[in-house]
Every structure is written in C-alpha cells, then in structure tokens.
Amino acid sequence: MKSVWTRTICRLLAALMIWAPYHIAQAGMIGADQAATAAAAQADRDTVLSYLSRSEAASRLQALGIDPRTAKERVAALSDQEAYGLAQRISAMPAGASDAGAVLLLLVVIGVVWWFFFRK
C-alpha cells in the first residue's frame, strides 16, 4: 500500500517539476513604444526626486511634518500618469524670482543709473 502511494506521489511530483518551469515565466519581445514609455516614466520620477532633493523643498517638507525619505518612497509608488503630472507641474514652475521682483530690480537699476549720471 505504501509503495503505491509513494509511486503515485513521485509520478505526480515528476510531472509537476517538468510542467512548472514552462508556465511560470514567459519571455517575449517588447516594442519600442513600451521601452520608451518605461524610460519616460523613469525620467519623470527622476525629475520629481531631483526636485525633492533640493534644500528648499526638503525644508518645506520637514516644516509640513513629512520625512524626505518617506516622500521619496511615495514618489517611487506613484503611477506613471501621476509621475508625469508632477513632472509637468515642476517643469512649468518659474525658475527664478517672480515678475514683481524683476520689475522692482529693473526700477532700482534705472534709479541708480539716473542718480549717478544726472546728479549735480
């Protein structure tokens, strides 16, 4: 009786060992659009992570009570669409001072030039 069960279990295990590797993983070719999409998604995540690594952003996160390491983990968990949206918002942000600051700076420069050249 024991030998019948042993032979049955051995045959079943041998069949499963032969069958299992062929159905676990399937390899296939990926298209250029899929590779480009993955590269673009990673570039978007890198853009968001580089923004979070700035000192101003890190200090603002800490002021809000968010650990920068936790924020980076959350960026890694974003979907591709969310990472794309954040990267677009970051790239649309102004790089320097606001328009009011530029106008004020221009007025100060004009005033200094006028004072030096037209004073008596």
PDB file of N, CA and C in Angstrom:
ATOM      1  N   MET A   1       0.822  -1.187   0.000  1.00  0.00           N
ATOM      2  CA  MET A   1       0.000   0.000   0.000  1.00  0.00           C
ATOM      3  C   MET A   1       0.865   1.248   0.000  1.00  0.00           C
ATOM      4  N   LYS A   2       1.924   1.222   0.822  1.00  0.00           N
ATOM      5  CA  LYS A   2       2.797   2.365   0.910  1.00  0.00           C
ATOM      6  C   LYS A   2       3.526   2.590  -0.406  1.00  0.00           C
ATOM      7  N   SER A   3       3.907   1.561  -1.092  1.00  0.00           N
ATOM      8  CA  SER A   3       4.646   1.710  -2.339  1.00  0.00           C
ATOM      9  C   SER A   3       3.754   2.274  -3.450  1.00  0.00           C
ATOM     10  N   VAL A   4       2.450   2.015  -3.431  1.00  0.00           N
ATOM     11  CA  VAL A   4       1.539   2.559  -4.435  1.00  0.00           C
ATOM     12  C   VAL A   4       1.432   4.073  -4.240  1.00  0.00           C
ATOM     13  N   TRP A   5       1.274   4.508  -2.998  1.00  0.00           N
ATOM     14  CA  TRP A   5       1.205   5.939  -2.717  1.00  0.00           C
ATOM     15  C   TRP A   5       2.535   6.626  -3.030  1.00  0.00           C
ATOM     16  N   THR A   6       3.610   5.978  -2.724  1.00  0.00           N
ATOM     17  CA  THR A   6       4.927   6.546  -2.985  1.00  0.00           C
ATOM     18  C   THR A   6       5.144   6.726  -4.476  1.00  0.00           C
ATOM     19  N   ARG A   7       4.802   5.682  -5.270  1.00  0.00           N
ATOM     20  CA  ARG A   7       4.950   5.784  -6.719  1.00  0.00           C
ATOM     21  C   ARG A   7       4.027   6.851  -7.298  1.00  0.00           C
ATOM     22  N   THR A   8       2.821   6.963  -6.784  1.00  0.00           N
ATOM     23  CA  THR A   8       1.876   7.970  -7.280  1.00  0.00           C
ATOM     24  C   THR A   8       2.361   9.386  -6.972  1.00  0.00           C
ATOM     25  N   ILE A   9       2.826   9.592  -5.757  1.00  0.00           N
ATOM     26  CA  ILE A   9       3.327  10.908  -5.376  1.00  0.00           C
ATOM     27  C   ILE A   9       4.585  11.249  -6.166  1.00  0.00           C
ATOM     28  N   CYS A  10       5.469  10.282  -6.359  1.00  0.00           N
ATOM     29  CA  CYS A  10       6.684  10.537  -7.139  1.00  0.00           C
ATOM     30  C   CYS A  10       6.345  10.878  -8.585  1.00  0.00           C
ATOM     31  N   ARG A  11       5.401  10.175  -9.168  1.00  0.00           N
ATOM     32  CA  ARG A  11       4.994  10.471 -10.547  1.00  0.00           C
ATOM     33  C   ARG A  11       4.359  11.860 -10.632  1.00  0.00           C
ATOM     34  N   LEU A  12       3.536  12.189  -9.645  1.00  0.00           N
ATOM     35  CA  LEU A  12       2.914  13.496  -9.630  1.00  0.00           C
ATOM     36  C   LEU A  12       3.952  14.600  -9.485  1.00  0.00           C
ATOM     37  N   LEU A  13       4.922  14.419  -8.584  1.00  0.00           N
ATOM     38  CA  LEU A  13       5.977  15.413  -8.404  1.00  0.00           C
ATOM     39  C   LEU A  13       6.849  15.539  -9.654  1.00  0.00           C
ATOM     40  N   ALA A  14       7.154  14.431 -10.301  1.00  0.00           N
ATOM     41  CA  ALA A  14       7.947  14.482 -11.532  1.00  0.00           C
ATOM     42  C   ALA A  14       7.187  15.227 -12.625  1.00  0.00           C
ATOM     43  N   ALA A  15       5.892  14.980 -12.736  1.00  0.00           N
ATOM     44  CA  ALA A  15       5.084  15.671 -13.744  1.00  0.00           C
ATOM     45  C   ALA A  15       5.011  17.165 -13.438  1.00  0.00           C
ATOM     46  N   LEU A  16       4.859  17.518 -12.175  1.00  0.00           N
ATOM     47  CA  LEU A  16       4.816  18.934 -11.806  1.00  0.00           C
ATOM     48  C   LEU A  16       6.154  19.628 -12.026  1.00  0.00           C
ATOM     49  N   MET A  17       7.263  18.928 -11.773  1.00  0.00           N
ATOM     50  CA  MET A  17       8.574  19.519 -11.992  1.00  0.00           C
ATOM     51  C   MET A  17       8.834  19.756 -13.478  1.00  0.00           C
ATOM     52  N   ILE A  18       8.333  18.898 -14.318  1.00  0.00           N
ATOM     53  CA  ILE A  18       8.501  19.077 -15.763  1.00  0.00           C
ATOM     54  C   ILE A  18       7.572  20.176 -16.263  1.00  0.00           C
ATOM     55  N   TRP A  19       6.368  20.247 -15.755  1.00  0.00           N
ATOM     56  CA  TRP A  19       5.355  21.178 -16.249  1.00  0.00           C
ATOM     57  C   TRP A  19       5.565  22.600 -15.726  1.00  0.00           C
ATOM     58  N   ALA A  20       6.019  22.758 -14.487  1.00  0.00           N
ATOM     59  CA  ALA A  20       6.070  24.060 -13.825  1.00  0.00           C
ATOM     60  C   ALA A  20       6.970  25.089 -14.508  1.00  0.00           C
ATOM     61  N   PRO A  21       8.200  24.760 -14.908  1.00  0.00           N
ATOM     62  CA  PRO A  21       9.048  25.816 -15.480  1.00  0.00           C
ATOM     63  C   PRO A  21       8.506  26.429 -16.770  1.00  0.00           C
ATOM     64  N   TYR A  22       7.702  25.729 -17.499  1.00  0.00           N
ATOM     65  CA  TYR A  22       7.212  26.259 -18.762  1.00  0.00           C
ATOM     66  C   TYR A  22       6.055  27.230 -18.595  1.00  0.00           C
ATOM     67  N   HIS A  23       5.420  27.231 -17.456  1.00  0.00           N
ATOM     68  CA  HIS A  23       4.264  28.090 -17.272  1.00  0.00           C
ATOM     69  C   HIS A  23       4.488  29.210 -16.260  1.00  0.00           C
ATOM     70  N   ILE A  24       5.606  29.236 -15.597  1.00  0.00           N
ATOM     71  CA  ILE A  24       5.858  30.272 -14.610  1.00  0.00           C
ATOM     72  C   ILE A  24       6.267  31.580 -15.281  1.00  0.00           C
ATOM     73  N   ALA A  25       7.234  31.519 -16.156  1.00  0.00           N
ATOM     74  CA  ALA A  25       7.731  32.739 -16.790  1.00  0.00           C
ATOM     75  C   ALA A  25       7.614  32.624 -18.300  1.00  0.00           C
ATOM     76  N   GLN A  26       7.204  33.702 -18.903  1.00  0.00           N
ATOM     77  CA  GLN A  26       7.128  33.740 -20.360  1.00  0.00           C
ATOM     78  C   GLN A  26       7.944  34.919 -20.844  1.00  0.00           C
ATOM     79  N   ALA A  27       8.841  34.647 -21.735  1.00  0.00           N
ATOM     80  CA  ALA A  27       9.674  35.708 -22.299  1.00  0.00           C
ATOM     81  C   ALA A  27       9.066  36.157 -23.617  1.00  0.00           C
ATOM     82  N   GLY A  28       9.230  37.406 -23.913  1.00  0.00           N
ATOM     83  CA  GLY A  28       8.710  37.919 -25.166  1.00  0.00           C
ATOM     84  C   GLY A  28       9.405  39.213 -25.523  1.00  0.00           C
ATOM     85  N   MET A  29       9.234  39.611 -26.736  1.00  0.00           N
ATOM     86  CA  MET A  29       9.811  40.863 -27.214  1.00  0.00           C
ATOM     87  C   MET A  29       8.922  42.021 -26.782  1.00  0.00           C
ATOM     88  N   ILE A  30       9.545  43.125 -26.427  1.00  0.00           N
ATOM     89  CA  ILE A  30       8.782  44.327 -26.132  1.00  0.00           C
ATOM     90  C   ILE A  30       8.991  45.309 -27.268  1.00  0.00           C
ATOM     91  N   GLY A  31       7.996  46.098 -27.502  1.00  0.00           N
ATOM     92  CA  GLY A  31       8.079  47.064 -28.576  1.00  0.00           C
ATOM     93  C   GLY A  31       8.841  48.308 -28.155  1.00  0.00           C
ATOM     94  N   ALA A  32       9.193  49.113 -29.135  1.00  0.00           N
ATOM     95  CA  ALA A  32       9.920  50.344 -28.860  1.00  0.00           C
ATOM     96  C   ALA A  32       9.067  51.315 -28.058  1.00  0.00           C
ATOM     97  N   ASP A  33       7.748  51.308 -28.296  1.00  0.00           N
ATOM     98  CA  ASP A  33       6.878  52.218 -27.555  1.00  0.00           C
ATOM     99  C   ASP A  33       6.813  51.853 -26.083  1.00  0.00           C
ATOM    100  N   GLN A  34       6.837  50.562 -25.765  1.00  0.00           N
ATOM    101  CA  GLN A  34       6.836  50.152 -24.363  1.00  0.00           C
ATOM    102  C   GLN A  34       8.155  50.526 -23.685  1.00  0.00           C
ATOM    103  N   ALA A  35       9.259  50.367 -24.394  1.00  0.00           N
ATOM    104  CA  ALA A  35      10.558  50.726 -23.823  1.00  0.00           C
ATOM    105  C   ALA A  35      10.650  52.239 -23.626  1.00  0.00           C
ATOM    106  N   ALA A  36      10.132  52.999 -24.584  1.00  0.00           N
ATOM    107  CA  ALA A  36      10.160  54.456 -24.458  1.00  0.00           C
ATOM    108  C   ALA A  36       9.262  54.930 -23.330  1.00  0.00           C
ATOM    109  N   THR A  37       8.123  54.271 -23.155  1.00  0.00           N
ATOM    110  CA  THR A  37       7.213  54.633 -22.075  1.00  0.00           C
ATOM    111  C   THR A  37       7.861  54.391 -20.720  1.00  0.00           C
ATOM    112  N   ALA A  38       8.539  53.263 -20.589  1.00  0.00           N
ATOM    113  CA  ALA A  38       9.212  52.968 -19.324  1.00  0.00           C
ATOM    114  C   ALA A  38      10.330  53.966 -19.056  1.00  0.00           C
ATOM    115  N   ALA A  39      11.073  54.342 -20.096  1.00  0.00           N
ATOM    116  CA  ALA A  39      12.156  55.314 -19.917  1.00  0.00           C
ATOM    117  C   ALA A  39      11.599  56.691 -19.564  1.00  0.00           C
ATOM    118  N   ALA A  40      10.495  57.074 -20.191  1.00  0.00           N
ATOM    119  CA  ALA A  40       9.883  58.372 -19.893  1.00  0.00           C
ATOM    120  C   ALA A  40       9.344  58.406 -18.472  1.00  0.00           C
ATOM    121  N   ALA A  41       8.743  57.292 -18.036  1.00  0.00           N
ATOM    122  CA  ALA A  41       8.217  57.237 -16.668  1.00  0.00           C
ATOM    123  C   ALA A  41       9.352  57.362 -15.653  1.00  0.00           C
ATOM    124  N   GLN A  42      10.475  56.707 -15.928  1.00  0.00           N
ATOM    125  CA  GLN A  42      11.613  56.810 -15.020  1.00  0.00           C
ATOM    126  C   GLN A  42      12.195  58.221 -15.039  1.00  0.00           C
ATOM    127  N   ALA A  43      12.211  58.865 -16.193  1.00  0.00           N
ATOM    128  CA  ALA A  43      12.703  60.245 -16.272  1.00  0.00           C
ATOM    129  C   ALA A  43      11.797  61.186 -15.483  1.00  0.00           C
ATOM    130  N   ASP A  44      10.485  60.951 -15.539  1.00  0.00           N
ATOM    131  CA  ASP A  44       9.555  61.771 -14.763  1.00  0.00           C
ATOM    132  C   ASP A  44       9.787  61.589 -13.272  1.00  0.00           C
ATOM    133  N   ARG A  45       9.993  60.354 -12.845  1.00  0.00           N
ATOM    134  CA  ARG A  45      10.266  60.095 -11.432  1.00  0.00           C
ATOM    135  C   ARG A  45      11.588  60.748 -11.006  1.00  0.00           C
ATOM    136  N   ASP A  46      12.579  60.700 -11.884  1.00  0.00           N
ATOM    137  CA  ASP A  46      13.861  61.337 -11.573  1.00  0.00           C
ATOM    138  C   ASP A  46      13.708  62.848 -11.440  1.00  0.00           C
ATOM    139  N   THR A  47      12.843  63.439 -12.270  1.00  0.00           N
ATOM    140  CA  THR A  47      12.589  64.881 -12.176  1.00  0.00           C
ATOM    141  C   THR A  47      11.975  65.231 -10.825  1.00  0.00           C
ATOM    142  N   VAL A  48      10.993  64.445 -10.402  1.00  0.00           N
ATOM    143  CA  VAL A  48      10.336  64.700  -9.119  1.00  0.00           C
ATOM    144  C   VAL A  48      11.316  64.476  -7.972  1.00  0.00           C
ATOM    145  N   LEU A  49      12.114  63.410  -8.050  1.00  0.00           N
ATOM    146  CA  LEU A  49      13.086  63.141  -6.985  1.00  0.00           C
ATOM    147  C   LEU A  49      14.160  64.213  -6.912  1.00  0.00           C
ATOM    148  N   SER A  50      14.594  64.730  -8.055  1.00  0.00           N
ATOM    149  CA  SER A  50      15.605  65.798  -8.014  1.00  0.00           C
ATOM    150  C   SER A  50      15.019  67.071  -7.419  1.00  0.00           C
ATOM    151  N   TYR A  51      13.745  67.325  -7.661  1.00  0.00           N
ATOM    152  CA  TYR A  51      13.098  68.487  -7.048  1.00  0.00           C
ATOM    153  C   TYR A  51      13.002  68.301  -5.537  1.00  0.00           C
ATOM    154  N   LEU A  52      12.676  67.089  -5.101  1.00  0.00           N
ATOM    155  CA  LEU A  52      12.564  66.839  -3.660  1.00  0.00           C
ATOM    156  C   LEU A  52      13.910  66.879  -2.954  1.00  0.00           C
ATOM    157  N   SER A  53      14.995  66.673  -3.689  1.00  0.00           N
ATOM    158  CA  SER A  53      16.310  66.690  -3.052  1.00  0.00           C
ATOM    159  C   SER A  53      16.849  68.104  -2.867  1.00  0.00           C
ATOM    160  N   ARG A  54      16.180  69.112  -3.395  1.00  0.00           N
ATOM    161  CA  ARG A  54      16.597  70.499  -3.173  1.00  0.00           C
ATOM    162  C   ARG A  54      16.409  70.864  -1.707  1.00  0.00           C
ATOM    163  N   SER A  55      17.244  71.762  -1.260  1.00  0.00           N
ATOM    164  CA  SER A  55      17.183  72.133   0.156  1.00  0.00           C
ATOM    165  C   SER A  55      15.884  72.855   0.493  1.00  0.00           C
ATOM    166  N   GLU A  56      15.381  73.695  -0.435  1.00  0.00           N
ATOM    167  CA  GLU A  56      14.133  74.418  -0.160  1.00  0.00           C
ATOM    168  C   GLU A  56      12.951  73.454  -0.030  1.00  0.00           C
ATOM    169  N   ALA A  57      12.904  72.487  -0.946  1.00  0.00           N
ATOM    170  CA  ALA A  57      11.795  71.530  -0.914  1.00  0.00           C
ATOM    171  C   ALA A  57      11.891  70.638   0.325  1.00  0.00           C
ATOM    172  N   ALA A  58      13.111  70.217   0.659  1.00  0.00           N
ATOM    173  CA  ALA A  58      13.285  69.367   1.831  1.00  0.00           C
ATOM    174  C   ALA A  58      12.904  70.100   3.112  1.00  0.00           C
ATOM    175  N   SER A  59      13.293  71.374   3.215  1.00  0.00           N
ATOM    176  CA  SER A  59      12.935  72.130   4.424  1.00  0.00           C
ATOM    177  C   SER A  59      11.431  72.370   4.486  1.00  0.00           C
ATOM    178  N   ARG A  60      10.802  72.591   3.339  1.00  0.00           N
ATOM    179  CA  ARG A  60       9.343  72.787   3.318  1.00  0.00           C
ATOM    180  C   ARG A  60       8.620  71.493   3.698  1.00  0.00           C
ATOM    181  N   LEU A  61       9.120  70.352   3.230  1.00  0.00           N
ATOM    182  CA  LEU A  61       8.521  69.070   3.610  1.00  0.00           C
ATOM    183  C   LEU A  61       8.649  68.840   5.114  1.00  0.00           C
ATOM    184  N   GLN A  62       9.809  69.140   5.665  1.00  0.00           N
ATOM    185  CA  GLN A  62      10.005  68.959   7.105  1.00  0.00           C
ATOM    186  C   GLN A  62       9.123  69.914   7.893  1.00  0.00           C
ATOM    187  N   ALA A  63       8.895  71.120   7.365  1.00  0.00           N
ATOM    188  CA  ALA A  63       8.001  72.067   8.044  1.00  0.00           C
ATOM    189  C   ALA A  63       6.566  71.550   8.042  1.00  0.00           C
ATOM    190  N   LEU A  64       6.208  70.805   7.014  1.00  0.00           N
ATOM    191  CA  LEU A  64       4.870  70.226   6.944  1.00  0.00           C
ATOM    192  C   LEU A  64       4.762  68.910   7.708  1.00  0.00           C
ATOM    193  N   GLY A  65       5.887  68.426   8.239  1.00  0.00           N
ATOM    194  CA  GLY A  65       5.868  67.204   9.027  1.00  0.00           C
ATOM    195  C   GLY A  65       6.047  65.933   8.209  1.00  0.00           C
ATOM    196  N   ILE A  66       6.638  66.054   7.024  1.00  0.00           N
ATOM    197  CA  ILE A  66       6.856  64.896   6.160  1.00  0.00           C
ATOM    198  C   ILE A  66       8.345  64.628   6.091  1.00  0.00           C
ATOM    199  N   ASP A  67       8.715  63.388   6.371  1.00  0.00           N
ATOM    200  CA  ASP A  67      10.102  62.980   6.287  1.00  0.00           C
ATOM    201  C   ASP A  67      10.504  62.890   4.814  1.00  0.00           C
ATOM    202  N   PRO A  68      11.645  63.455   4.402  1.00  0.00           N
ATOM    203  CA  PRO A  68      12.043  63.386   2.996  1.00  0.00           C
ATOM    204  C   PRO A  68      12.200  61.959   2.473  1.00  0.00           C
ATOM    205  N   ARG A  69      12.612  61.033   3.331  1.00  0.00           N
ATOM    206  CA  ARG A  69      12.741  59.640   2.917  1.00  0.00           C
ATOM    207  C   ARG A  69      11.359  59.055   2.591  1.00  0.00           C
ATOM    208  N   THR A  70      10.370  59.411   3.391  1.00  0.00           N
ATOM    209  CA  THR A  70       9.004  58.958   3.143  1.00  0.00           C
ATOM    210  C   THR A  70       8.475  59.542   1.841  1.00  0.00           C
ATOM    211  N   ALA A  71       8.808  60.795   1.583  1.00  0.00           N
ATOM    212  CA  ALA A  71       8.365  61.432   0.339  1.00  0.00           C
ATOM    213  C   ALA A  71       8.979  60.729  -0.870  1.00  0.00           C
ATOM    214  N   LYS A  72      10.239  60.347  -0.774  1.00  0.00           N
ATOM    215  CA  LYS A  72      10.888  59.639  -1.881  1.00  0.00           C
ATOM    216  C   LYS A  72      10.281  58.256  -2.090  1.00  0.00           C
ATOM    217  N   GLU A  73       9.898  57.601  -1.006  1.00  0.00           N
ATOM    218  CA  GLU A  73       9.226  56.306  -1.135  1.00  0.00           C
ATOM    219  C   GLU A  73       7.861  56.464  -1.801  1.00  0.00           C
ATOM    220  N   ARG A  74       7.177  57.545  -1.481  1.00  0.00           N
ATOM    221  CA  ARG A  74       5.871  57.794  -2.098  1.00  0.00           C
ATOM    222  C   ARG A  74       6.013  58.114  -3.584  1.00  0.00           C
ATOM    223  N   VAL A  75       7.090  58.791  -3.954  1.00  0.00           N
ATOM    224  CA  VAL A  75       7.329  59.064  -5.378  1.00  0.00           C
ATOM    225  C   VAL A  75       7.563  57.754  -6.123  1.00  0.00           C
ATOM    226  N   ALA A  76       8.273  56.835  -5.499  1.00  0.00           N
ATOM    227  CA  ALA A  76       8.511  55.541  -6.140  1.00  0.00           C
ATOM    228  C   ALA A  76       7.219  54.757  -6.313  1.00  0.00           C
ATOM    229  N   ALA A  77       6.234  55.013  -5.457  1.00  0.00           N
ATOM    230  CA  ALA A  77       4.966  54.287  -5.526  1.00  0.00           C
ATOM    231  C   ALA A  77       3.948  54.953  -6.453  1.00  0.00           C
ATOM    232  N   LEU A  78       4.285  56.101  -7.038  1.00  0.00           N
ATOM    233  CA  LEU A  78       3.347  56.786  -7.931  1.00  0.00           C
ATOM    234  C   LEU A  78       3.130  55.986  -9.218  1.00  0.00           C
ATOM    235  N   SER A  79       1.953  56.153  -9.781  1.00  0.00           N
ATOM    236  CA  SER A  79       1.715  55.559 -11.098  1.00  0.00           C
ATOM    237  C   SER A  79       2.411  56.413 -12.151  1.00  0.00           C
ATOM    238  N   ASP A  80       2.513  55.892 -13.358  1.00  0.00           N
ATOM    239  CA  ASP A  80       3.195  56.626 -14.419  1.00  0.00           C
ATOM    240  C   ASP A  80       2.490  57.944 -14.735  1.00  0.00           C
ATOM    241  N   GLN A  81       1.164  57.938 -14.709  1.00  0.00           N
ATOM    242  CA  GLN A  81       0.409  59.158 -15.012  1.00  0.00           C
ATOM    243  C   GLN A  81       0.604  60.210 -13.925  1.00  0.00           C
ATOM    244  N   GLU A  82       0.630  59.787 -12.670  1.00  0.00           N
ATOM    245  CA  GLU A  82       0.831  60.727 -11.568  1.00  0.00           C
ATOM    246  C   GLU A  82       2.236  61.330 -11.615  1.00  0.00           C
ATOM    247  N   ALA A  83       3.237  60.493 -11.908  1.00  0.00           N
ATOM    248  CA  ALA A  83       4.607  60.994 -12.009  1.00  0.00           C
ATOM    249  C   ALA A  83       4.727  61.967 -13.179  1.00  0.00           C
ATOM    250  N   TYR A  84       4.058  61.682 -14.293  1.00  0.00           N
ATOM    251  CA  TYR A  84       4.079  62.581 -15.448  1.00  0.00           C
ATOM    252  C   TYR A  84       3.442  63.922 -15.093  1.00  0.00           C
ATOM    253  N   GLY A  85       2.312  63.888 -14.395  1.00  0.00           N
ATOM    254  CA  GLY A  85       1.635  65.123 -14.000  1.00  0.00           C
ATOM    255  C   GLY A  85       2.489  65.979 -13.082  1.00  0.00           C
ATOM    256  N   LEU A  86       3.140  65.353 -12.099  1.00  0.00           N
ATOM    257  CA  LEU A  86       4.009  66.111 -11.192  1.00  0.00           C
ATOM    258  C   LEU A  86       5.217  66.680 -11.924  1.00  0.00           C
ATOM    259  N   ALA A  87       5.807  65.885 -12.821  1.00  0.00           N
ATOM    260  CA  ALA A  87       6.968  66.365 -13.574  1.00  0.00           C
ATOM    261  C   ALA A  87       6.586  67.553 -14.453  1.00  0.00           C
ATOM    262  N   GLN A  88       5.392  67.526 -15.036  1.00  0.00           N
ATOM    263  CA  GLN A  88       4.944  68.647 -15.860  1.00  0.00           C
ATOM    264  C   GLN A  88       4.721  69.897 -15.012  1.00  0.00           C
ATOM    265  N   ARG A  89       4.157  69.724 -13.819  1.00  0.00           N
ATOM    266  CA  ARG A  89       3.943  70.878 -12.933  1.00  0.00           C
ATOM    267  C   ARG A  89       5.274  71.462 -12.472  1.00  0.00           C
ATOM    268  N   ILE A  90       6.260  70.602 -12.214  1.00  0.00           N
ATOM    269  CA  ILE A  90       7.575  71.083 -11.783  1.00  0.00           C
ATOM    270  C   ILE A  90       8.252  71.840 -12.919  1.00  0.00           C
ATOM    271  N   SER A  91       8.165  71.307 -14.133  1.00  0.00           N
ATOM    272  CA  SER A  91       8.821  71.987 -15.253  1.00  0.00           C
ATOM    273  C   SER A  91       8.111  73.284 -15.631  1.00  0.00           C
ATOM    274  N   ALA A  92       6.829  73.439 -15.259  1.00  0.00           N
ATOM    275  CA  ALA A  92       6.094  74.664 -15.565  1.00  0.00           C
ATOM    276  C   ALA A  92       6.302  75.747 -14.510  1.00  0.00           C
ATOM    277  N   MET A  93       6.908  75.398 -13.402  1.00  0.00           N
ATOM    278  CA  MET A  93       7.130  76.373 -12.339  1.00  0.00           C
ATOM    279  C   MET A  93       8.174  77.392 -12.769  1.00  0.00           C
ATOM    280  N   PRO A  94       8.065  78.629 -12.290  1.00  0.00           N
ATOM    281  CA  PRO A  94       9.068  79.635 -12.651  1.00  0.00           C
ATOM    282  C   PRO A  94      10.420  79.275 -12.056  1.00  0.00           C
ATOM    283  N   ALA A  95      11.461  79.542 -12.811  1.00  0.00           N
ATOM    284  CA  ALA A  95      12.803  79.160 -12.380  1.00  0.00           C
ATOM    285  C   ALA A  95      13.437  80.187 -11.455  1.00  0.00           C
ATOM    286  N   GLY A  96      13.036  81.435 -11.578  1.00  0.00           N
ATOM    287  CA  GLY A  96      13.678  82.472 -10.776  1.00  0.00           C
ATOM    288  C   GLY A  96      12.672  83.215  -9.936  1.00  0.00           C
ATOM    289  N   ALA A  97      12.931  84.488  -9.783  1.00  0.00           N
ATOM    290  CA  ALA A  97      12.057  85.320  -8.976  1.00  0.00           C
ATOM    291  C   ALA A  97      10.753  85.583  -9.708  1.00  0.00           C
ATOM    292  N   SER A  98       9.791  86.106  -9.009  1.00  0.00           N
ATOM    293  CA  SER A  98       8.506  86.413  -9.618  1.00  0.00           C
ATOM    294  C   SER A  98       8.624  87.657 -10.480  1.00  0.00           C
ATOM    295  N   ASP A  99       7.596  87.993 -11.232  1.00  0.00           N
ATOM    296  CA  ASP A  99       7.604  89.162 -12.109  1.00  0.00           C
ATOM    297  C   ASP A  99       7.719  90.457 -11.311  1.00  0.00           C
ATOM    298  N   ALA A 100       7.110  90.511 -10.138  1.00  0.00           N
ATOM    299  CA  ALA A 100       7.182  91.719  -9.320  1.00  0.00           C
ATOM    300  C   ALA A 100       8.620  91.983  -8.884  1.00  0.00           C
ATOM    301  N   GLY A 101       9.353  90.950  -8.573  1.00  0.00           N
ATOM    302  CA  GLY A 101      10.749  91.104  -8.182  1.00  0.00           C
ATOM    303  C   GLY A 101      11.599  91.601  -9.338  1.00  0.00           C
ATOM    304  N   ALA A 102      11.323  91.137 -10.544  1.00  0.00           N
ATOM    305  CA  ALA A 102      12.080  91.583 -11.716  1.00  0.00           C
ATOM    306  C   ALA A 102      11.802  93.044 -12.008  1.00  0.00           C
ATOM    307  N   VAL A 103      10.551  93.466 -11.888  1.00  0.00           N
ATOM    308  CA  VAL A 103      10.205  94.868 -12.121  1.00  0.00           C
ATOM    309  C   VAL A 103      10.863  95.750 -11.071  1.00  0.00           C
ATOM    310  N   LEU A 104      10.850  95.319  -9.822  1.00  0.00           N
ATOM    311  CA  LEU A 104      11.484  96.091  -8.757  1.00  0.00           C
ATOM    312  C   LEU A 104      12.984  96.204  -8.983  1.00  0.00           C
ATOM    313  N   LEU A 105      13.631  95.138  -9.394  1.00  0.00           N
ATOM    314  CA  LEU A 105      15.053  95.157  -9.670  1.00  0.00           C
ATOM    315  C   LEU A 105      15.364  96.106 -10.830  1.00  0.00           C
ATOM    316  N   LEU A 106      14.530  96.077 -11.859  1.00  0.00           N
ATOM    317  CA  LEU A 106      14.716  96.980 -13.001  1.00  0.00           C
ATOM    318  C   LEU A 106      14.585  98.440 -12.574  1.00  0.00           C
ATOM    319  N   LEU A 107      13.614  98.744 -11.728  1.00  0.00           N
ATOM    320  CA  LEU A 107      13.440 100.111 -11.240  1.00  0.00           C
ATOM    321  C   LEU A 107      14.623 100.572 -10.399  1.00  0.00           C
ATOM    322  N   VAL A 108      15.167  99.690  -9.592  1.00  0.00           N
ATOM    323  CA  VAL A 108      16.328 100.042  -8.768  1.00  0.00           C
ATOM    324  C   VAL A 108      17.534 100.317  -9.652  1.00  0.00           C
ATOM    325  N   VAL A 109      17.764  99.484 -10.673  1.00  0.00           N
ATOM    326  CA  VAL A 109      18.900  99.693 -11.576  1.00  0.00           C
ATOM    327  C   VAL A 109      18.745 101.012 -12.322  1.00  0.00           C
ATOM    328  N   ILE A 110      17.552 101.305 -12.831  1.00  0.00           N
ATOM    329  CA  ILE A 110      17.315 102.577 -13.533  1.00  0.00           C
ATOM    330  C   ILE A 110      17.529 103.765 -12.583  1.00  0.00           C
ATOM    331  N   GLY A 111      17.076 103.637 -11.368  1.00  0.00           N
ATOM    332  CA  GLY A 111      17.259 104.707 -10.383  1.00  0.00           C
ATOM    333  C   GLY A 111      18.721 104.951 -10.076  1.00  0.00           C
ATOM    334  N   VAL A 112      19.510 103.906  -9.919  1.00  0.00           N
ATOM    335  CA  VAL A 112      20.935 104.044  -9.619  1.00  0.00           C
ATOM    336  C   VAL A 112      21.659 104.675 -10.802  1.00  0.00           C
ATOM    337  N   VAL A 113      21.344 104.240 -12.011  1.00  0.00           N
ATOM    338  CA  VAL A 113      21.976 104.819 -13.202  1.00  0.00           C
ATOM    339  C   VAL A 113      21.604 106.288 -13.317  1.00  0.00           C
ATOM    340  N   TRP A 114      20.367 106.631 -13.115  1.00  0.00           N
ATOM    341  CA  TRP A 114      19.914 108.018 -13.195  1.00  0.00           C
ATOM    342  C   TRP A 114      20.615 108.861 -12.138  1.00  0.00           C
ATOM    343  N   TRP A 115      20.755 108.360 -10.930  1.00  0.00           N
ATOM    344  CA  TRP A 115      21.371 109.095  -9.847  1.00  0.00           C
ATOM    345  C   TRP A 115      22.834 109.389 -10.141  1.00  0.00           C
ATOM    346  N   PHE A 116      23.573 108.386 -10.690  1.00  0.00           N
ATOM    347  CA  PHE A 116      24.991 108.603 -10.993  1.00  0.00           C
ATOM    348  C   PHE A 116      25.195 109.569 -12.157  1.00  0.00           C
ATOM    349  N   PHE A 117      24.378 109.488 -13.192  1.00  0.00           N
ATOM    350  CA  PHE A 117      24.620 110.296 -14.377  1.00  0.00           C
ATOM    351  C   PHE A 117      23.992 111.696 -14.317  1.00  0.00           C
ATOM    352  N   PHE A 118      22.946 111.880 -13.583  1.00  0.00           N
ATOM    353  CA  PHE A 118      22.238 113.165 -13.602  1.00  0.00           C
ATOM    354  C   PHE A 118      22.317 113.937 -12.292  1.00  0.00           C
ATOM    355  N   ARG A 119      23.133 113.562 -11.384  1.00  0.00           N
ATOM    356  CA  ARG A 119      23.255 114.325 -10.142  1.00  0.00           C
ATOM    357  C   ARG A 119      24.168 115.525 -10.374  1.00  0.00           C
ATOM    358  N   LYS A 120      23.980 116.551  -9.644  1.00  0.00           N
ATOM    359  CA  LYS A 120      24.767 117.778  -9.813  1.00  0.00           C
ATOM    360  C   LYS A 120      25.556 118.084  -8.602  1.00  0.00           C
TER     361      LYS A 120
END
